[in-house]
Amino acid sequence: MNNKELLGLFERCGHFLYHRRGGKRGQKKIVSLLVENGNMSQKEIKDILDIKSGSLSELVSKLASKGYIKRERDHKDR
């Protein structure tokens, strides 16, 4: 087996594991956290889940675009 074939097997294994474990686990964690705690700031979510702010922002945007959550700007923030 050459390196290209081995890499292909790893990619397929990764794809299988991602979907087998439910995929989009970050989104599920965010929704679960909001269900448990109600309204939260992105900073609060970031601190609890220990996730980078850019990654969190992307996940939150996807959830909002699907209608699962509603984003509101905090008037205290600039």
PDB file of N, CA and C in Angstrom:
ATOM      1  N   MET A   1       0.857  -1.166   0.000  1.00  0.00           N
ATOM      2  CA  MET A   1       0.000   0.000   0.000  1.00  0.00           C
ATOM      3  C   MET A   1       0.912   1.240   0.000  1.00  0.00           C
ATOM      4  N   ASN A   2       0.604   2.183  -0.862  1.00  0.00           N
ATOM      5  CA  ASN A   2       1.416   3.397  -0.914  1.00  0.00           C
ATOM      6  C   ASN A   2       0.800   4.492  -0.029  1.00  0.00           C
ATOM      7  N   ASN A   3       1.506   5.594   0.096  1.00  0.00           N
ATOM      8  CA  ASN A   3       1.063   6.689   0.964  1.00  0.00           C
ATOM      9  C   ASN A   3      -0.278   7.276   0.533  1.00  0.00           C
ATOM     10  N   LYS A   4      -0.501   7.372  -0.768  1.00  0.00           N
ATOM     11  CA  LYS A   4      -1.748   7.950  -1.273  1.00  0.00           C
ATOM     12  C   LYS A   4      -2.942   7.072  -0.883  1.00  0.00           C
ATOM     13  N   GLU A   5      -2.782   5.766  -1.007  1.00  0.00           N
ATOM     14  CA  GLU A   5      -3.862   4.849  -0.628  1.00  0.00           C
ATOM     15  C   GLU A   5      -4.117   4.902   0.877  1.00  0.00           C
ATOM     16  N   LEU A   6      -3.044   4.969   1.648  1.00  0.00           N
ATOM     17  CA  LEU A   6      -3.174   5.043   3.101  1.00  0.00           C
ATOM     18  C   LEU A   6      -3.880   6.328   3.523  1.00  0.00           C
ATOM     19  N   LEU A   7      -3.519   7.437   2.903  1.00  0.00           N
ATOM     20  CA  LEU A   7      -4.169   8.710   3.198  1.00  0.00           C
ATOM     21  C   LEU A   7      -5.664   8.635   2.869  1.00  0.00           C
ATOM     22  N   GLY A   8      -5.998   8.001   1.756  1.00  0.00           N
ATOM     23  CA  GLY A   8      -7.403   7.832   1.380  1.00  0.00           C
ATOM     24  C   GLY A   8      -8.175   7.036   2.420  1.00  0.00           C
ATOM     25  N   LEU A   9      -7.551   6.000   2.966  1.00  0.00           N
ATOM     26  CA  LEU A   9      -8.197   5.199   4.014  1.00  0.00           C
ATOM     27  C   LEU A   9      -8.419   6.032   5.280  1.00  0.00           C
ATOM     28  N   PHE A  10      -7.425   6.819   5.652  1.00  0.00           N
ATOM     29  CA  PHE A  10      -7.585   7.690   6.821  1.00  0.00           C
ATOM     30  C   PHE A  10      -8.712   8.690   6.612  1.00  0.00           C
ATOM     31  N   GLU A  11      -8.810   9.254   5.427  1.00  0.00           N
ATOM     32  CA  GLU A  11      -9.881  10.212   5.142  1.00  0.00           C
ATOM     33  C   GLU A  11     -11.247   9.554   5.250  1.00  0.00           C
ATOM     34  N   ARG A  12     -11.365   8.355   4.715  1.00  0.00           N
ATOM     35  CA  ARG A  12     -12.647   7.648   4.803  1.00  0.00           C
ATOM     36  C   ARG A  12     -12.987   7.288   6.241  1.00  0.00           C
ATOM     37  N   CYS A  13     -11.982   6.889   7.018  1.00  0.00           N
ATOM     38  CA  CYS A  13     -12.210   6.578   8.432  1.00  0.00           C
ATOM     39  C   CYS A  13     -12.663   7.829   9.185  1.00  0.00           C
ATOM     40  N   GLY A  14     -12.006   8.945   8.923  1.00  0.00           N
ATOM     41  CA  GLY A  14     -12.381  10.194   9.568  1.00  0.00           C
ATOM     42  C   GLY A  14     -13.802  10.593   9.227  1.00  0.00           C
ATOM     43  N   HIS A  15     -14.163  10.460   7.962  1.00  0.00           N
ATOM     44  CA  HIS A  15     -15.517  10.791   7.511  1.00  0.00           C
ATOM     45  C   HIS A  15     -16.537   9.886   8.208  1.00  0.00           C
ATOM     46  N   PHE A  16     -16.237   8.601   8.262  1.00  0.00           N
ATOM     47  CA  PHE A  16     -17.135   7.645   8.905  1.00  0.00           C
ATOM     48  C   PHE A  16     -17.319   7.986  10.381  1.00  0.00           C
ATOM     49  N   LEU A  17     -16.220   8.232  11.086  1.00  0.00           N
ATOM     50  CA  LEU A  17     -16.301   8.535  12.517  1.00  0.00           C
ATOM     51  C   LEU A  17     -17.048   9.830  12.785  1.00  0.00           C
ATOM     52  N   TYR A  18     -16.824  10.831  11.956  1.00  0.00           N
ATOM     53  CA  TYR A  18     -17.510  12.112  12.123  1.00  0.00           C
ATOM     54  C   TYR A  18     -19.018  11.914  12.052  1.00  0.00           C
ATOM     55  N   HIS A  19     -19.476  11.212  11.042  1.00  0.00           N
ATOM     56  CA  HIS A  19     -20.914  11.033  10.864  1.00  0.00           C
ATOM     57  C   HIS A  19     -21.485   9.993  11.826  1.00  0.00           C
ATOM     58  N   ARG A  20     -20.698   9.021  12.188  1.00  0.00           N
ATOM     59  CA  ARG A  20     -21.150   7.987  13.125  1.00  0.00           C
ATOM     60  C   ARG A  20     -21.387   8.573  14.515  1.00  0.00           C
ATOM     61  N   ARG A  21     -20.566   9.542  14.883  1.00  0.00           N
ATOM     62  CA  ARG A  21     -20.698  10.169  16.199  1.00  0.00           C
ATOM     63  C   ARG A  21     -21.684  11.329  16.169  1.00  0.00           C
ATOM     64  N   GLY A  22     -22.352  11.544  15.069  1.00  0.00           N
ATOM     65  CA  GLY A  22     -23.403  12.546  15.017  1.00  0.00           C
ATOM     66  C   GLY A  22     -23.018  13.841  14.346  1.00  0.00           C
ATOM     67  N   GLY A  23     -21.742  14.056  14.070  1.00  0.00           N
ATOM     68  CA  GLY A  23     -21.322  15.281  13.404  1.00  0.00           C
ATOM     69  C   GLY A  23     -21.844  16.523  14.106  1.00  0.00           C
ATOM     70  N   LYS A  24     -21.390  17.651  13.740  1.00  0.00           N
ATOM     71  CA  LYS A  24     -21.895  18.931  14.238  1.00  0.00           C
ATOM     72  C   LYS A  24     -22.080  18.941  15.756  1.00  0.00           C
ATOM     73  N   ARG A  25     -21.166  18.298  16.451  1.00  0.00           N
ATOM     74  CA  ARG A  25     -21.285  18.209  17.907  1.00  0.00           C
ATOM     75  C   ARG A  25     -21.168  19.578  18.567  1.00  0.00           C
ATOM     76  N   GLY A  26     -20.392  20.476  17.975  1.00  0.00           N
ATOM     77  CA  GLY A  26     -20.254  21.814  18.539  1.00  0.00           C
ATOM     78  C   GLY A  26     -21.576  22.549  18.559  1.00  0.00           C
ATOM     79  N   GLN A  27     -22.340  22.416  17.480  1.00  0.00           N
ATOM     80  CA  GLN A  27     -23.644  23.069  17.413  1.00  0.00           C
ATOM     81  C   GLN A  27     -24.577  22.493  18.478  1.00  0.00           C
ATOM     82  N   LYS A  28     -24.535  21.194  18.663  1.00  0.00           N
ATOM     83  CA  LYS A  28     -25.405  20.558  19.659  1.00  0.00           C
ATOM     84  C   LYS A  28     -25.050  21.020  21.062  1.00  0.00           C
ATOM     85  N   LYS A  29     -23.758  21.169  21.329  1.00  0.00           N
ATOM     86  CA  LYS A  29     -23.332  21.633  22.650  1.00  0.00           C
ATOM     87  C   LYS A  29     -23.839  23.042  22.919  1.00  0.00           C
ATOM     88  N   ILE A  30     -23.778  23.886  21.912  1.00  0.00           N
ATOM     89  CA  ILE A  30     -24.236  25.270  22.074  1.00  0.00           C
ATOM     90  C   ILE A  30     -25.734  25.307  22.352  1.00  0.00           C
ATOM     91  N   VAL A  31     -26.503  24.572  21.572  1.00  0.00           N
ATOM     92  CA  VAL A  31     -27.960  24.550  21.770  1.00  0.00           C
ATOM     93  C   VAL A  31     -28.298  23.989  23.147  1.00  0.00           C
ATOM     94  N   SER A  32     -27.628  22.917  23.551  1.00  0.00           N
ATOM     95  CA  SER A  32     -27.874  22.333  24.878  1.00  0.00           C
ATOM     96  C   SER A  32     -27.573  23.335  25.982  1.00  0.00           C
ATOM     97  N   LEU A  33     -26.476  24.045  25.834  1.00  0.00           N
ATOM     98  CA  LEU A  33     -26.087  25.052  26.820  1.00  0.00           C
ATOM     99  C   LEU A  33     -27.138  26.156  26.915  1.00  0.00           C
ATOM    100  N   LEU A  34     -27.652  26.595  25.765  1.00  0.00           N
ATOM    101  CA  LEU A  34     -28.668  27.646  25.760  1.00  0.00           C
ATOM    102  C   LEU A  34     -29.995  27.155  26.336  1.00  0.00           C
ATOM    103  N   VAL A  35     -30.331  25.904  26.084  1.00  0.00           N
ATOM    104  CA  VAL A  35     -31.567  25.342  26.649  1.00  0.00           C
ATOM    105  C   VAL A  35     -31.462  25.306  28.174  1.00  0.00           C
ATOM    106  N   GLU A  36     -30.301  24.911  28.668  1.00  0.00           N
ATOM    107  CA  GLU A  36     -30.100  24.817  30.119  1.00  0.00           C
ATOM    108  C   GLU A  36     -30.057  26.184  30.796  1.00  0.00           C
ATOM    109  N   ASN A  37     -29.443  27.176  30.145  1.00  0.00           N
ATOM    110  CA  ASN A  37     -29.146  28.449  30.801  1.00  0.00           C
ATOM    111  C   ASN A  37     -29.929  29.647  30.285  1.00  0.00           C
ATOM    112  N   GLY A  38     -30.640  29.520  29.207  1.00  0.00           N
ATOM    113  CA  GLY A  38     -31.337  30.665  28.632  1.00  0.00           C
ATOM    114  C   GLY A  38     -30.377  31.556  27.865  1.00  0.00           C
ATOM    115  N   ASN A  39     -30.680  32.833  27.791  1.00  0.00           N
ATOM    116  CA  ASN A  39     -29.838  33.774  27.035  1.00  0.00           C
ATOM    117  C   ASN A  39     -28.428  33.812  27.597  1.00  0.00           C
ATOM    118  N   MET A  40     -27.456  33.782  26.694  1.00  0.00           N
ATOM    119  CA  MET A  40     -26.047  33.861  27.086  1.00  0.00           C
ATOM    120  C   MET A  40     -25.297  34.660  26.047  1.00  0.00           C
ATOM    121  N   SER A  41     -24.240  35.305  26.477  1.00  0.00           N
ATOM    122  CA  SER A  41     -23.376  36.004  25.524  1.00  0.00           C
ATOM    123  C   SER A  41     -22.430  34.990  24.878  1.00  0.00           C
ATOM    124  N   GLN A  42     -21.876  35.377  23.740  1.00  0.00           N
ATOM    125  CA  GLN A  42     -20.918  34.496  23.078  1.00  0.00           C
ATOM    126  C   GLN A  42     -19.688  34.309  23.959  1.00  0.00           C
ATOM    127  N   LYS A  43     -19.323  35.322  24.713  1.00  0.00           N
ATOM    128  CA  LYS A  43     -18.165  35.202  25.599  1.00  0.00           C
ATOM    129  C   LYS A  43     -18.425  34.154  26.675  1.00  0.00           C
ATOM    130  N   GLU A  44     -19.635  34.139  27.225  1.00  0.00           N
ATOM    131  CA  GLU A  44     -19.972  33.130  28.235  1.00  0.00           C
ATOM    132  C   GLU A  44     -19.909  31.730  27.642  1.00  0.00           C
ATOM    133  N   ILE A  45     -20.457  31.577  26.450  1.00  0.00           N
ATOM    134  CA  ILE A  45     -20.435  30.272  25.783  1.00  0.00           C
ATOM    135  C   ILE A  45     -18.998  29.867  25.492  1.00  0.00           C
ATOM    136  N   LYS A  46     -18.208  30.814  24.989  1.00  0.00           N
ATOM    137  CA  LYS A  46     -16.803  30.559  24.654  1.00  0.00           C
ATOM    138  C   LYS A  46     -16.039  30.084  25.889  1.00  0.00           C
ATOM    139  N   ASP A  47     -16.244  30.745  27.000  1.00  0.00           N
ATOM    140  CA  ASP A  47     -15.531  30.390  28.228  1.00  0.00           C
ATOM    141  C   ASP A  47     -15.938  29.011  28.746  1.00  0.00           C
ATOM    142  N   ILE A  48     -17.220  28.692  28.686  1.00  0.00           N
ATOM    143  CA  ILE A  48     -17.700  27.399  29.184  1.00  0.00           C
ATOM    144  C   ILE A  48     -17.240  26.256  28.294  1.00  0.00           C
ATOM    145  N   LEU A  49     -17.362  26.428  26.969  1.00  0.00           N
ATOM    146  CA  LEU A  49     -17.011  25.353  26.043  1.00  0.00           C
ATOM    147  C   LEU A  49     -15.534  25.344  25.670  1.00  0.00           C
ATOM    148  N   ASP A  50     -14.803  26.376  26.081  1.00  0.00           N
ATOM    149  CA  ASP A  50     -13.376  26.490  25.776  1.00  0.00           C
ATOM    150  C   ASP A  50     -13.135  26.332  24.272  1.00  0.00           C
ATOM    151  N   ILE A  51     -13.778  27.219  23.515  1.00  0.00           N
ATOM    152  CA  ILE A  51     -13.704  27.198  22.058  1.00  0.00           C
ATOM    153  C   ILE A  51     -13.195  28.551  21.574  1.00  0.00           C
ATOM    154  N   LYS A  52     -12.481  28.571  20.482  1.00  0.00           N
ATOM    155  CA  LYS A  52     -11.961  29.825  19.939  1.00  0.00           C
ATOM    156  C   LYS A  52     -13.119  30.709  19.481  1.00  0.00           C
ATOM    157  N   SER A  53     -12.951  32.027  19.634  1.00  0.00           N
ATOM    158  CA  SER A  53     -14.042  32.949  19.319  1.00  0.00           C
ATOM    159  C   SER A  53     -14.437  32.885  17.844  1.00  0.00           C
ATOM    160  N   GLY A  54     -13.468  32.725  16.954  1.00  0.00           N
ATOM    161  CA  GLY A  54     -13.788  32.624  15.522  1.00  0.00           C
ATOM    162  C   GLY A  54     -14.605  31.388  15.203  1.00  0.00           C
ATOM    163  N   SER A  55     -14.249  30.265  15.827  1.00  0.00           N
ATOM    164  CA  SER A  55     -15.000  29.017  15.620  1.00  0.00           C
ATOM    165  C   SER A  55     -16.404  29.144  16.177  1.00  0.00           C
ATOM    166  N   LEU A  56     -16.505  29.750  17.361  1.00  0.00           N
ATOM    167  CA  LEU A  56     -17.818  29.929  17.979  1.00  0.00           C
ATOM    168  C   LEU A  56     -18.700  30.822  17.120  1.00  0.00           C
ATOM    169  N   SER A  57     -18.125  31.900  16.622  1.00  0.00           N
ATOM    170  CA  SER A  57     -18.893  32.826  15.791  1.00  0.00           C
ATOM    171  C   SER A  57     -19.452  32.116  14.558  1.00  0.00           C
ATOM    172  N   GLU A  58     -18.646  31.263  13.949  1.00  0.00           N
ATOM    173  CA  GLU A  58     -19.096  30.509  12.779  1.00  0.00           C
ATOM    174  C   GLU A  58     -20.229  29.553  13.146  1.00  0.00           C
ATOM    175  N   LEU A  59     -20.091  28.839  14.258  1.00  0.00           N
ATOM    176  CA  LEU A  59     -21.135  27.909  14.693  1.00  0.00           C
ATOM    177  C   LEU A  59     -22.433  28.646  15.009  1.00  0.00           C
ATOM    178  N   VAL A  60     -22.321  29.772  15.701  1.00  0.00           N
ATOM    179  CA  VAL A  60     -23.503  30.558  16.061  1.00  0.00           C
ATOM    180  C   VAL A  60     -24.188  31.095  14.808  1.00  0.00           C
ATOM    181  N   SER A  61     -23.402  31.552  13.842  1.00  0.00           N
ATOM    182  CA  SER A  61     -23.974  32.051  12.584  1.00  0.00           C
ATOM    183  C   SER A  61     -24.747  30.958  11.860  1.00  0.00           C
ATOM    184  N   LYS A  62     -24.194  29.754  11.838  1.00  0.00           N
ATOM    185  CA  LYS A  62     -24.879  28.629  11.182  1.00  0.00           C
ATOM    186  C   LYS A  62     -26.182  28.287  11.899  1.00  0.00           C
ATOM    187  N   LEU A  63     -26.142  28.261  13.225  1.00  0.00           N
ATOM    188  CA  LEU A  63     -27.350  27.968  13.986  1.00  0.00           C
ATOM    189  C   LEU A  63     -28.419  29.038  13.763  1.00  0.00           C
ATOM    190  N   ALA A  64     -27.999  30.302  13.720  1.00  0.00           N
ATOM    191  CA  ALA A  64     -28.942  31.398  13.497  1.00  0.00           C
ATOM    192  C   ALA A  64     -29.536  31.336  12.098  1.00  0.00           C
ATOM    193  N   SER A  65     -28.714  31.007  11.107  1.00  0.00           N
ATOM    194  CA  SER A  65     -29.223  30.948   9.725  1.00  0.00           C
ATOM    195  C   SER A  65     -30.228  29.810   9.542  1.00  0.00           C
ATOM    196  N   LYS A  66     -30.095  28.761  10.358  1.00  0.00           N
ATOM    197  CA  LYS A  66     -31.049  27.650  10.301  1.00  0.00           C
ATOM    198  C   LYS A  66     -32.289  27.921  11.144  1.00  0.00           C
ATOM    199  N   GLY A  67     -32.274  29.018  11.910  1.00  0.00           N
ATOM    200  CA  GLY A  67     -33.418  29.366  12.736  1.00  0.00           C
ATOM    201  C   GLY A  67     -33.445  28.668  14.081  1.00  0.00           C
ATOM    202  N   TYR A  68     -32.360  28.012  14.477  1.00  0.00           N
ATOM    203  CA  TYR A  68     -32.325  27.301  15.754  1.00  0.00           C
ATOM    204  C   TYR A  68     -32.124  28.243  16.938  1.00  0.00           C
ATOM    205  N   ILE A  69     -31.441  29.357  16.693  1.00  0.00           N
ATOM    206  CA  ILE A  69     -31.230  30.339  17.740  1.00  0.00           C
ATOM    207  C   ILE A  69     -31.455  31.730  17.155  1.00  0.00           C
ATOM    208  N   LYS A  70     -31.571  32.707  18.044  1.00  0.00           N
ATOM    209  CA  LYS A  70     -31.721  34.089  17.610  1.00  0.00           C
ATOM    210  C   LYS A  70     -30.580  34.896  18.207  1.00  0.00           C
ATOM    211  N   ARG A  71     -29.861  35.608  17.357  1.00  0.00           N
ATOM    212  CA  ARG A  71     -28.766  36.455  17.819  1.00  0.00           C
ATOM    213  C   ARG A  71     -29.289  37.859  18.050  1.00  0.00           C
ATOM    214  N   GLU A  72     -28.868  38.433  19.147  1.00  0.00           N
ATOM    215  CA  GLU A  72     -29.227  39.818  19.433  1.00  0.00           C
ATOM    216  C   GLU A  72     -27.978  40.556  19.874  1.00  0.00           C
ATOM    217  N   ARG A  73     -27.826  41.760  19.389  1.00  0.00           N
ATOM    218  CA  ARG A  73     -26.685  42.573  19.794  1.00  0.00           C
ATOM    219  C   ARG A  73     -26.954  43.145  21.176  1.00  0.00           C
ATOM    220  N   ASP A  74     -25.956  43.047  22.036  1.00  0.00           N
ATOM    221  CA  ASP A  74     -26.045  43.636  23.363  1.00  0.00           C
ATOM    222  C   ASP A  74     -25.783  45.134  23.218  1.00  0.00           C
ATOM    223  N   HIS A  75     -26.733  45.957  23.632  1.00  0.00           N
ATOM    224  CA  HIS A  75     -26.613  47.406  23.462  1.00  0.00           C
ATOM    225  C   HIS A  75     -25.481  47.989  24.307  1.00  0.00           C
ATOM    226  N   LYS A  76     -25.026  47.237  25.308  1.00  0.00           N
ATOM    227  CA  LYS A  76     -23.901  47.679  26.130  1.00  0.00           C
ATOM    228  C   LYS A  76     -22.577  47.498  25.399  1.00  0.00           C
ATOM    229  N   ASP A  77     -22.526  46.547  24.442  1.00  0.00           N
ATOM    230  CA  ASP A  77     -21.306  46.324  23.651  1.00  0.00           C
ATOM    231  C   ASP A  77     -21.183  47.386  22.595  1.00  0.00           C
ATOM    232  N   ARG A  78     -19.949  47.637  22.216  1.00  0.00           N
ATOM    233  CA  ARG A  78     -19.739  48.639  21.177  1.00  0.00           C
ATOM    234  C   ARG A  78     -19.725  48.008  19.866  1.00  0.00           C
TER     235      ARG A  78
END
